[in-house]
PDB file of N, CA and C in Angstrom:
ATOM      1  N   MET A   1      94.932 -58.082  76.842  1.00  0.00           N
ATOM      2  CA  MET A   1      95.656 -58.061  75.561  1.00  0.00           C
ATOM      3  C   MET A   1      95.194 -59.191  74.706  1.00  0.00           C
ATOM      4  N   ALA A   2      95.085 -60.371  75.269  1.00  0.00           N
ATOM      5  CA  ALA A   2      94.606 -61.515  74.490  1.00  0.00           C
ATOM      6  C   ALA A   2      93.121 -61.314  74.038  1.00  0.00           C
ATOM      7  N   ALA A   3      92.301 -60.685  74.867  1.00  0.00           N
ATOM      8  CA  ALA A   3      90.925 -60.443  74.407  1.00  0.00           C
ATOM      9  C   ALA A   3      90.845 -59.457  73.267  1.00  0.00           C
ATOM     10  N   ARG A   4      91.715 -58.419  73.167  1.00  0.00           N
ATOM     11  CA  ARG A   4      91.759 -57.534  72.072  1.00  0.00           C
ATOM     12  C   ARG A   4      92.253 -58.272  70.797  1.00  0.00           C
ATOM     13  N   TRP A   5      93.204 -59.150  70.913  1.00  0.00           N
ATOM     14  CA  TRP A   5      93.642 -59.946  69.828  1.00  0.00           C
ATOM     15  C   TRP A   5      92.531 -60.808  69.273  1.00  0.00           C
ATOM     16  N   LEU A   6      91.755 -61.398  70.174  1.00  0.00           N
ATOM     17  CA  LEU A   6      90.668 -62.303  69.721  1.00  0.00           C
ATOM     18  C   LEU A   6      89.544 -61.480  69.059  1.00  0.00           C
ATOM     19  N   VAL A   7      89.249 -60.343  69.618  1.00  0.00           N
ATOM     20  CA  VAL A   7      88.266 -59.413  68.925  1.00  0.00           C
ATOM     21  C   VAL A   7      88.725 -59.077  67.568  1.00  0.00           C
ATOM     22  N   ASP A   8      89.951 -58.700  67.405  1.00  0.00           N
ATOM     23  CA  ASP A   8      90.487 -58.347  66.158  1.00  0.00           C
ATOM     24  C   ASP A   8      90.498 -59.467  65.158  1.00  0.00           C
ATOM     25  N   GLN A   9      90.746 -60.685  65.675  1.00  0.00           N
ATOM     26  CA  GLN A   9      90.622 -61.873  64.749  1.00  0.00           C
ATOM     27  C   GLN A   9      89.290 -62.170  64.299  1.00  0.00           C
ATOM     28  N   PHE A  10      88.312 -62.041  65.257  1.00  0.00           N
ATOM     29  CA  PHE A  10      86.913 -62.256  64.930  1.00  0.00           C
ATOM     30  C   PHE A  10      86.479 -61.246  63.825  1.00  0.00           C
ATOM     31  N   ARG A  11      86.778 -60.000  64.091  1.00  0.00           N
ATOM     32  CA  ARG A  11      86.332 -58.881  63.172  1.00  0.00           C
ATOM     33  C   ARG A  11      86.918 -59.184  61.863  1.00  0.00           C
ATOM     34  N   ALA A  12      88.190 -59.618  61.721  1.00  0.00           N
ATOM     35  CA  ALA A  12      88.906 -59.812  60.371  1.00  0.00           C
ATOM     36  C   ALA A  12      88.107 -61.005  59.649  1.00  0.00           C
ATOM     37  N   ALA A  13      87.779 -62.030  60.454  1.00  0.00           N
ATOM     38  CA  ALA A  13      87.044 -63.115  59.954  1.00  0.00           C
ATOM     39  C   ALA A  13      85.667 -62.828  59.427  1.00  0.00           C
ATOM     40  N   MET A  14      84.951 -61.940  60.185  1.00  0.00           N
ATOM     41  CA  MET A  14      83.631 -61.478  59.800  1.00  0.00           C
ATOM     42  C   MET A  14      83.733 -60.709  58.507  1.00  0.00           C
ATOM     43  N   VAL A  15      84.708 -59.747  58.366  1.00  0.00           N
ATOM     44  CA  VAL A  15      84.785 -58.890  57.217  1.00  0.00           C
ATOM     45  C   VAL A  15      85.179 -59.837  56.065  1.00  0.00           C
ATOM     46  N   SER A  16      86.099 -60.724  56.267  1.00  0.00           N
ATOM     47  CA  SER A  16      86.411 -61.685  55.137  1.00  0.00           C
ATOM     48  C   SER A  16      85.188 -62.492  54.707  1.00  0.00           C
ATOM     49  N   ALA A  17      84.498 -62.991  55.690  1.00  0.00           N
ATOM     50  CA  ALA A  17      83.368 -63.915  55.303  1.00  0.00           C
ATOM     51  C   ALA A  17      82.270 -63.144  54.661  1.00  0.00           C
ATOM     52  N   ASN A  18      82.214 -61.897  54.944  1.00  0.00           N
ATOM     53  CA  ASN A  18      81.120 -60.970  54.398  1.00  0.00           C
ATOM     54  C   ASN A  18      81.572 -60.059  53.287  1.00  0.00           C
ATOM     55  N   ALA A  19      82.709 -60.358  52.718  1.00  0.00           N
ATOM     56  CA  ALA A  19      83.271 -59.453  51.708  1.00  0.00           C
ATOM     57  C   ALA A  19      82.359 -59.244  50.520  1.00  0.00           C
ATOM     58  N   THR A  20      81.682 -60.198  50.011  1.00  0.00           N
ATOM     59  CA  THR A  20      80.742 -59.992  48.947  1.00  0.00           C
ATOM     60  C   THR A  20      79.595 -59.043  49.336  1.00  0.00           C
ATOM     61  N   LEU A  21      79.054 -59.238  50.516  1.00  0.00           N
ATOM     62  CA  LEU A  21      77.966 -58.443  51.065  1.00  0.00           C
ATOM     63  C   LEU A  21      78.476 -56.955  51.224  1.00  0.00           C
ATOM     64  N   ILE A  22      79.645 -56.778  51.745  1.00  0.00           N
ATOM     65  CA  ILE A  22      80.195 -55.428  51.944  1.00  0.00           C
ATOM     66  C   ILE A  22      80.467 -54.783  50.544  1.00  0.00           C
ATOM     67  N   PHE A  23      81.055 -55.530  49.654  1.00  0.00           N
ATOM     68  CA  PHE A  23      81.348 -55.083  48.304  1.00  0.00           C
ATOM     69  C   PHE A  23      80.137 -54.574  47.600  1.00  0.00           C
ATOM     70  N   LEU A  24      79.108 -55.448  47.583  1.00  0.00           N
ATOM     71  CA  LEU A  24      77.776 -55.004  46.962  1.00  0.00           C
ATOM     72  C   LEU A  24      77.152 -53.766  47.646  1.00  0.00           C
ATOM     73  N   GLY A  25      77.213 -53.748  48.946  1.00  0.00           N
ATOM     74  CA  GLY A  25      76.704 -52.661  49.718  1.00  0.00           C
ATOM     75  C   GLY A  25      77.407 -51.381  49.337  1.00  0.00           C
ATOM     76  N   LEU A  26      78.771 -51.390  49.265  1.00  0.00           N
ATOM     77  CA  LEU A  26      79.538 -50.189  48.903  1.00  0.00           C
ATOM     78  C   LEU A  26      79.138 -49.694  47.529  1.00  0.00           C
ATOM     79  N   LEU A  27      78.822 -50.668  46.540  1.00  0.00           N
ATOM     80  CA  LEU A  27      78.430 -50.240  45.173  1.00  0.00           C
ATOM     81  C   LEU A  27      77.085 -49.641  45.123  1.00  0.00           C
ATOM     82  N   THR A  28      76.238 -49.789  46.162  1.00  0.00           N
ATOM     83  CA  THR A  28      74.981 -49.162  46.085  1.00  0.00           C
ATOM     84  C   THR A  28      75.014 -47.642  46.322  1.00  0.00           C
ATOM     85  N   GLU A  29      76.214 -47.226  46.944  1.00  0.00           N
ATOM     86  CA  GLU A  29      76.436 -45.895  47.259  1.00  0.00           C
ATOM     87  C   GLU A  29      76.796 -45.028  46.003  1.00  0.00           C
ATOM     88  N   SER A  30      77.502 -45.628  45.024  1.00  0.00           N
ATOM     89  CA  SER A  30      77.851 -44.866  43.863  1.00  0.00           C
ATOM     90  C   SER A  30      78.660 -45.866  42.924  1.00  0.00           C
ATOM     91  N   TYR A  31      78.905 -45.353  41.751  1.00  0.00           N
ATOM     92  CA  TYR A  31      79.871 -46.063  40.845  1.00  0.00           C
ATOM     93  C   TYR A  31      81.158 -45.959  41.582  1.00  0.00           C
ATOM     94  N   ALA A  32      82.008 -46.978  41.341  1.00  0.00           N
ATOM     95  CA  ALA A  32      83.351 -46.926  41.984  1.00  0.00           C
ATOM     96  C   ALA A  32      84.336 -47.737  41.206  1.00  0.00           C
ATOM     97  N   THR A  33      85.652 -47.382  41.325  1.00  0.00           N
ATOM     98  CA  THR A  33      86.641 -48.207  40.706  1.00  0.00           C
ATOM     99  C   THR A  33      87.095 -49.214  41.718  1.00  0.00           C
ATOM    100  N   GLU A  34      87.850 -50.199  41.295  1.00  0.00           N
ATOM    101  CA  GLU A  34      88.359 -51.216  42.248  1.00  0.00           C
ATOM    102  C   GLU A  34      89.251 -50.563  43.254  1.00  0.00           C
ATOM    103  N   GLY A  35      90.030 -49.542  42.966  1.00  0.00           N
ATOM    104  CA  GLY A  35      90.830 -48.882  43.926  1.00  0.00           C
ATOM    105  C   GLY A  35      89.991 -48.179  44.925  1.00  0.00           C
ATOM    106  N   GLU A  36      88.933 -47.494  44.527  1.00  0.00           N
ATOM    107  CA  GLU A  36      88.036 -46.724  45.450  1.00  0.00           C
ATOM    108  C   GLU A  36      87.341 -47.706  46.467  1.00  0.00           C
ATOM    109  N   ILE A  37      86.966 -48.982  45.940  1.00  0.00           N
ATOM    110  CA  ILE A  37      86.362 -49.923  46.706  1.00  0.00           C
ATOM    111  C   ILE A  37      87.374 -50.403  47.838  1.00  0.00           C
ATOM    112  N   LEU A  38      88.544 -50.707  47.507  1.00  0.00           N
ATOM    113  CA  LEU A  38      89.639 -51.105  48.337  1.00  0.00           C
ATOM    114  C   LEU A  38      89.815 -49.979  49.460  1.00  0.00           C
ATOM    115  N   GLU A  39      89.816 -48.775  49.027  1.00  0.00           N
ATOM    116  CA  GLU A  39      89.971 -47.667  49.977  1.00  0.00           C
ATOM    117  C   GLU A  39      88.877 -47.499  50.912  1.00  0.00           C
ATOM    118  N   GLN A  40      87.601 -47.745  50.449  1.00  0.00           N
ATOM    119  CA  GLN A  40      86.413 -47.607  51.345  1.00  0.00           C
ATOM    120  C   GLN A  40      86.408 -48.815  52.328  1.00  0.00           C
ATOM    121  N   PHE A  41      86.774 -50.021  51.812  1.00  0.00           N
ATOM    122  CA  PHE A  41      86.948 -51.112  52.654  1.00  0.00           C
ATOM    123  C   PHE A  41      87.913 -50.827  53.874  1.00  0.00           C
ATOM    124  N   TYR A  42      89.071 -50.295  53.520  1.00  0.00           N
ATOM    125  CA  TYR A  42      90.037 -50.029  54.525  1.00  0.00           C
ATOM    126  C   TYR A  42      89.642 -48.844  55.483  1.00  0.00           C
ATOM    127  N   ARG A  43      89.020 -47.815  54.973  1.00  0.00           N
ATOM    128  CA  ARG A  43      88.528 -46.874  55.883  1.00  0.00           C
ATOM    129  C   ARG A  43      87.534 -47.257  56.841  1.00  0.00           C
ATOM    130  N   ARG A  44      86.644 -48.185  56.469  1.00  0.00           N
ATOM    131  CA  ARG A  44      85.484 -48.650  57.315  1.00  0.00           C
ATOM    132  C   ARG A  44      85.955 -49.778  58.268  1.00  0.00           C
ATOM    133  N   PHE A  45      86.839 -50.651  57.690  1.00  0.00           N
ATOM    134  CA  PHE A  45      87.082 -51.913  58.453  1.00  0.00           C
ATOM    135  C   PHE A  45      88.532 -52.135  58.836  1.00  0.00           C
ATOM    136  N   GLY A  46      89.427 -51.250  58.415  1.00  0.00           N
ATOM    137  CA  GLY A  46      90.820 -51.365  58.766  1.00  0.00           C
ATOM    138  C   GLY A  46      91.511 -52.491  58.018  1.00  0.00           C
ATOM    139  N   SER A  47      90.893 -53.171  57.141  1.00  0.00           N
ATOM    140  CA  SER A  47      91.533 -54.213  56.368  1.00  0.00           C
ATOM    141  C   SER A  47      90.813 -54.317  55.000  1.00  0.00           C
ATOM    142  N   THR A  48      91.395 -54.972  54.085  1.00  0.00           N
ATOM    143  CA  THR A  48      90.791 -55.129  52.717  1.00  0.00           C
ATOM    144  C   THR A  48      91.099 -56.499  52.212  1.00  0.00           C
ATOM    145  N   PRO A  49      90.189 -56.897  51.295  1.00  0.00           N
ATOM    146  CA  PRO A  49      90.600 -58.109  50.482  1.00  0.00           C
ATOM    147  C   PRO A  49      91.759 -57.768  49.625  1.00  0.00           C
ATOM    148  N   SER A  50      92.617 -58.646  49.237  1.00  0.00           N
ATOM    149  CA  SER A  50      93.759 -58.345  48.424  1.00  0.00           C
ATOM    150  C   SER A  50      93.185 -57.932  47.025  1.00  0.00           C
ATOM    151  N   ALA A  51      94.016 -57.254  46.253  1.00  0.00           N
ATOM    152  CA  ALA A  51      93.613 -56.897  44.927  1.00  0.00           C
ATOM    153  C   ALA A  51      93.241 -58.123  44.085  1.00  0.00           C
ATOM    154  N   LYS A  52      93.969 -59.144  44.237  1.00  0.00           N
ATOM    155  CA  LYS A  52      93.720 -60.375  43.500  1.00  0.00           C
ATOM    156  C   LYS A  52      92.344 -60.984  43.955  1.00  0.00           C
ATOM    157  N   GLU A  53      91.997 -60.989  45.243  1.00  0.00           N
ATOM    158  CA  GLU A  53      90.765 -61.356  45.761  1.00  0.00           C
ATOM    159  C   GLU A  53      89.574 -60.515  45.232  1.00  0.00           C
ATOM    160  N   LEU A  54      89.828 -59.189  45.152  1.00  0.00           N
ATOM    161  CA  LEU A  54      88.787 -58.319  44.655  1.00  0.00           C
ATOM    162  C   LEU A  54      88.530 -58.558  43.217  1.00  0.00           C
ATOM    163  N   ARG A  55      89.656 -58.650  42.400  1.00  0.00           N
ATOM    164  CA  ARG A  55      89.513 -58.928  40.937  1.00  0.00           C
ATOM    165  C   ARG A  55      88.721 -60.231  40.781  1.00  0.00           C
ATOM    166  N   SER A  56      89.021 -61.217  41.575  1.00  0.00           N
ATOM    167  CA  SER A  56      88.294 -62.500  41.433  1.00  0.00           C
ATOM    168  C   SER A  56      86.871 -62.331  41.745  1.00  0.00           C
ATOM    169  N   MET A  57      86.512 -61.610  42.797  1.00  0.00           N
ATOM    170  CA  MET A  57      85.124 -61.376  43.150  1.00  0.00           C
ATOM    171  C   MET A  57      84.365 -60.591  42.103  1.00  0.00           C
ATOM    172  N   VAL A  58      85.051 -59.532  41.513  1.00  0.00           N
ATOM    173  CA  VAL A  58      84.411 -58.748  40.459  1.00  0.00           C
ATOM    174  C   VAL A  58      84.173 -59.634  39.256  1.00  0.00           C
ATOM    175  N   LYS A  59      85.146 -60.478  38.910  1.00  0.00           N
ATOM    176  CA  LYS A  59      85.029 -61.380  37.715  1.00  0.00           C
ATOM    177  C   LYS A  59      83.776 -62.277  37.924  1.00  0.00           C
ATOM    178  N   ALA A  60      83.735 -62.878  39.148  1.00  0.00           N
ATOM    179  CA  ALA A  60      82.575 -63.793  39.313  1.00  0.00           C
ATOM    180  C   ALA A  60      81.214 -63.097  39.347  1.00  0.00           C
ATOM    181  N   LEU A  61      81.174 -61.949  40.022  1.00  0.00           N
ATOM    182  CA  LEU A  61      79.962 -61.242  40.177  1.00  0.00           C
ATOM    183  C   LEU A  61      79.454 -60.623  38.889  1.00  0.00           C
ATOM    184  N   ALA A  62      80.409 -60.229  38.019  1.00  0.00           N
ATOM    185  CA  ALA A  62      80.159 -59.668  36.698  1.00  0.00           C
ATOM    186  C   ALA A  62      79.605 -60.816  35.832  1.00  0.00           C
ATOM    187  N   GLY A  63      80.295 -62.011  35.922  1.00  0.00           N
ATOM    188  CA  GLY A  63      79.942 -63.112  35.067  1.00  0.00           C
ATOM    189  C   GLY A  63      78.561 -63.627  35.382  1.00  0.00           C
ATOM    190  N   TRP A  64      78.064 -63.399  36.599  1.00  0.00           N
ATOM    191  CA  TRP A  64      76.734 -63.893  37.043  1.00  0.00           C
ATOM    192  C   TRP A  64      75.704 -62.742  36.805  1.00  0.00           C
ATOM    193  N   GLY A  65      76.206 -61.591  36.397  1.00  0.00           N
ATOM    194  CA  GLY A  65      75.283 -60.481  36.013  1.00  0.00           C
ATOM    195  C   GLY A  65      74.839 -59.605  37.287  1.00  0.00           C
ATOM    196  N   PHE A  66      75.677 -59.769  38.339  1.00  0.00           N
ATOM    197  CA  PHE A  66      75.370 -58.934  39.546  1.00  0.00           C
ATOM    198  C   PHE A  66      76.025 -57.573  39.581  1.00  0.00           C
ATOM    199  N   VAL A  67      77.117 -57.445  38.723  1.00  0.00           N
ATOM    200  CA  VAL A  67      77.838 -56.188  38.596  1.00  0.00           C
ATOM    201  C   VAL A  67      78.167 -55.975  37.132  1.00  0.00           C
ATOM    202  N   GLU A  68      78.104 -54.724  36.780  1.00  0.00           N
ATOM    203  CA  GLU A  68      78.588 -54.295  35.492  1.00  0.00           C
ATOM    204  C   GLU A  68      79.936 -53.610  35.621  1.00  0.00           C
ATOM    205  N   VAL A  69      80.760 -53.954  34.590  1.00  0.00           N
ATOM    206  CA  VAL A  69      82.201 -53.374  34.579  1.00  0.00           C
ATOM    207  C   VAL A  69      82.355 -52.591  33.395  1.00  0.00           C
ATOM    208  N   GLU A  70      82.776 -51.364  33.485  1.00  0.00           N
ATOM    209  CA  GLU A  70      82.974 -50.482  32.328  1.00  0.00           C
ATOM    210  C   GLU A  70      84.429 -49.938  32.424  1.00  0.00           C
ATOM    211  N   THR A  71      85.191 -50.178  31.319  1.00  0.00           N
ATOM    212  CA  THR A  71      86.581 -49.816  31.406  1.00  0.00           C
ATOM    213  C   THR A  71      86.786 -48.480  30.627  1.00  0.00           C
ATOM    214  N   VAL A  72      87.220 -47.406  31.366  1.00  0.00           N
ATOM    215  CA  VAL A  72      87.515 -46.159  30.659  1.00  0.00           C
ATOM    216  C   VAL A  72      88.902 -45.729  31.050  1.00  0.00           C
ATOM    217  N   ALA A  73      89.666 -45.435  30.091  1.00  0.00           N
ATOM    218  CA  ALA A  73      91.067 -45.026  30.247  1.00  0.00           C
ATOM    219  C   ALA A  73      91.822 -45.861  31.247  1.00  0.00           C
ATOM    220  N   ARG A  74      91.738 -47.176  31.023  1.00  0.00           N
ATOM    221  CA  ARG A  74      92.486 -48.212  31.861  1.00  0.00           C
ATOM    222  C   ARG A  74      91.973 -48.280  33.311  1.00  0.00           C
ATOM    223  N   SER A  75      90.866 -47.690  33.634  1.00  0.00           N
ATOM    224  CA  SER A  75      90.277 -47.694  34.909  1.00  0.00           C
ATOM    225  C   SER A  75      88.905 -48.433  34.861  1.00  0.00           C
ATOM    226  N   ARG A  76      88.742 -49.325  35.761  1.00  0.00           N
ATOM    227  CA  ARG A  76      87.422 -50.182  35.606  1.00  0.00           C
ATOM    228  C   ARG A  76      86.500 -49.590  36.631  1.00  0.00           C
ATOM    229  N   SER A  77      85.322 -49.104  36.094  1.00  0.00           N
ATOM    230  CA  SER A  77      84.283 -48.569  36.845  1.00  0.00           C
ATOM    231  C   SER A  77      83.192 -49.610  37.104  1.00  0.00           C
ATOM    232  N   LEU A  78      82.765 -49.806  38.305  1.00  0.00           N
ATOM    233  CA  LEU A  78      81.838 -50.920  38.739  1.00  0.00           C
ATOM    234  C   LEU A  78      80.530 -50.304  39.089  1.00  0.00           C
ATOM    235  N   ARG A  79      79.388 -51.002  38.697  1.00  0.00           N
ATOM    236  CA  ARG A  79      78.125 -50.646  39.064  1.00  0.00           C
ATOM    237  C   ARG A  79      77.292 -51.883  39.401  1.00  0.00           C
ATOM    238  N   ILE A  80      76.548 -51.841  40.408  1.00  0.00           N
ATOM    239  CA  ILE A  80      75.704 -52.938  40.845  1.00  0.00           C
ATOM    240  C   ILE A  80      74.436 -53.011  39.941  1.00  0.00           C
ATOM    241  N   THR A  81      74.021 -54.141  39.563  1.00  0.00           N
ATOM    242  CA  THR A  81      72.760 -54.257  38.652  1.00  0.00           C
ATOM    243  C   THR A  81      71.623 -54.578  39.509  1.00  0.00           C
ATOM    244  N   ARG A  82      70.442 -54.654  38.886  1.00  0.00           N
ATOM    245  CA  ARG A  82      69.143 -55.001  39.622  1.00  0.00           C
ATOM    246  C   ARG A  82      69.295 -56.392  40.174  1.00  0.00           C
ATOM    247  N   ALA A  83      69.922 -57.364  39.536  1.00  0.00           N
ATOM    248  CA  ALA A  83      70.167 -58.688  40.028  1.00  0.00           C
ATOM    249  C   ALA A  83      71.090 -58.595  41.247  1.00  0.00           C
ATOM    250  N   GLY A  84      72.054 -57.684  41.177  1.00  0.00           N
ATOM    251  CA  GLY A  84      72.933 -57.525  42.307  1.00  0.00           C
ATOM    252  C   GLY A  84      72.209 -57.002  43.536  1.00  0.00           C
ATOM    253  N   LEU A  85      71.347 -56.050  43.330  1.00  0.00           N
ATOM    254  CA  LEU A  85      70.551 -55.475  44.439  1.00  0.00           C
ATOM    255  C   LEU A  85      69.702 -56.576  45.006  1.00  0.00           C
ATOM    256  N   LEU A  86      69.089 -57.507  44.285  1.00  0.00           N
ATOM    257  CA  LEU A  86      68.311 -58.595  44.834  1.00  0.00           C
ATOM    258  C   LEU A  86      69.226 -59.600  45.587  1.00  0.00           C
ATOM    259  N   LEU A  87      70.403 -59.849  45.099  1.00  0.00           N
ATOM    260  CA  LEU A  87      71.360 -60.681  45.799  1.00  0.00           C
ATOM    261  C   LEU A  87      71.796 -60.007  47.119  1.00  0.00           C
ATOM    262  N   LEU A  88      72.002 -58.670  47.115  1.00  0.00           N
ATOM    263  CA  LEU A  88      72.440 -58.019  48.219  1.00  0.00           C
ATOM    264  C   LEU A  88      71.348 -58.118  49.295  1.00  0.00           C
ATOM    265  N   GLU A  89      70.041 -57.892  49.004  1.00  0.00           N
ATOM    266  CA  GLU A  89      68.990 -58.042  49.948  1.00  0.00           C
ATOM    267  C   GLU A  89      68.952 -59.390  50.532  1.00  0.00           C
ATOM    268  N   ALA A  90      69.119 -60.499  49.728  1.00  0.00           N
ATOM    269  CA  ALA A  90      69.159 -61.875  50.273  1.00  0.00           C
ATOM    270  C   ALA A  90      70.275 -62.067  51.199  1.00  0.00           C
ATOM    271  N   LEU A  91      71.430 -61.589  50.852  1.00  0.00           N
ATOM    272  CA  LEU A  91      72.702 -61.672  51.702  1.00  0.00           C
ATOM    273  C   LEU A  91      72.463 -60.900  52.965  1.00  0.00           C
ATOM    274  N   ARG A  92      71.815 -59.784  52.922  1.00  0.00           N
ATOM    275  CA  ARG A  92      71.559 -59.027  54.158  1.00  0.00           C
ATOM    276  C   ARG A  92      70.617 -59.696  55.078  1.00  0.00           C
ATOM    277  N   ALA A  93      69.584 -60.373  54.486  1.00  0.00           N
ATOM    278  CA  ALA A  93      68.632 -61.113  55.338  1.00  0.00           C
ATOM    279  C   ALA A  93      69.268 -62.305  55.955  1.00  0.00           C
ATOM    280  N   ASP A  94      70.058 -63.037  55.245  1.00  0.00           N
ATOM    281  CA  ASP A  94      70.789 -64.125  55.875  1.00  0.00           C
ATOM    282  C   ASP A  94      71.775 -63.701  56.885  1.00  0.00           C
ATOM    283  N   ASN A  95      72.433 -62.512  56.694  1.00  0.00           N
ATOM    284  CA  ASN A  95      73.400 -62.039  57.687  1.00  0.00           C
ATOM    285  C   ASN A  95      72.665 -61.639  58.963  1.00  0.00           C
ATOM    286  N   ARG A  96      71.372 -60.964  58.733  1.00  0.00           N
ATOM    287  CA  ARG A  96      70.676 -60.537  59.969  1.00  0.00           C
ATOM    288  C   ARG A  96      70.244 -61.829  60.780  1.00  0.00           C
ATOM    289  N   ASN A  97      69.901 -62.881  60.103  1.00  0.00           N
ATOM    290  CA  ASN A  97      69.441 -64.097  60.755  1.00  0.00           C
ATOM    291  C   ASN A  97      70.603 -64.725  61.510  1.00  0.00           C
ATOM    292  N   LEU A  98      71.798 -64.754  60.933  1.00  0.00           N
ATOM    293  CA  LEU A  98      72.949 -65.322  61.522  1.00  0.00           C
ATOM    294  C   LEU A  98      73.388 -64.432  62.803  1.00  0.00           C
ATOM    295  N   VAL A  99      73.468 -63.108  62.573  1.00  0.00           N
ATOM    296  CA  VAL A  99      73.848 -62.225  63.658  1.00  0.00           C
ATOM    297  C   VAL A  99      72.861 -62.307  64.802  1.00  0.00           C
ATOM    298  N   GLY A 100      71.529 -62.338  64.377  1.00  0.00           N
ATOM    299  CA  GLY A 100      70.519 -62.469  65.453  1.00  0.00           C
ATOM    300  C   GLY A 100      70.719 -63.619  66.330  1.00  0.00           C
ATOM    301  N   VAL A 101      71.155 -64.816  65.815  1.00  0.00           N
ATOM    302  CA  VAL A 101      71.406 -65.938  66.635  1.00  0.00           C
ATOM    303  C   VAL A 101      72.608 -65.794  67.487  1.00  0.00           C
ATOM    304  N   LEU A 102      73.561 -65.075  66.886  1.00  0.00           N
ATOM    305  CA  LEU A 102      74.860 -64.924  67.764  1.00  0.00           C
ATOM    306  C   LEU A 102      74.634 -63.877  68.856  1.00  0.00           C
ATOM    307  N   VAL A 103      73.758 -62.843  68.707  1.00  0.00           N
ATOM    308  CA  VAL A 103      73.533 -61.787  69.665  1.00  0.00           C
ATOM    309  C   VAL A 103      72.593 -62.175  70.676  1.00  0.00           C
ATOM    310  N   ASP A 104      71.517 -62.899  70.346  1.00  0.00           N
ATOM    311  CA  ASP A 104      70.512 -63.332  71.314  1.00  0.00           C
ATOM    312  C   ASP A 104      70.989 -64.147  72.344  1.00  0.00           C
TER     313      ASP A 104
END
């Protein structure tokens, strides 16, 4: 039972630490609203960043030009930019290096 708890804690920490990587990866699949992103996070990982955390992440990534935000009928549609794709590749490479050290 303690081992399961520890695995769950580790998984939650990894999802939290990699939220930006996951967020950008989900946006490569299609345009999405913030609600759809939260739903996809939950379906895949069983947890989500809070709506406040997601809004903060979107604001920062949009401010840096990694994500475009379009508001239509009070719904914010998100799209990854070319700069966001380059950032995603860099984050994926760093993540592979880190996980490679942990797994080896």
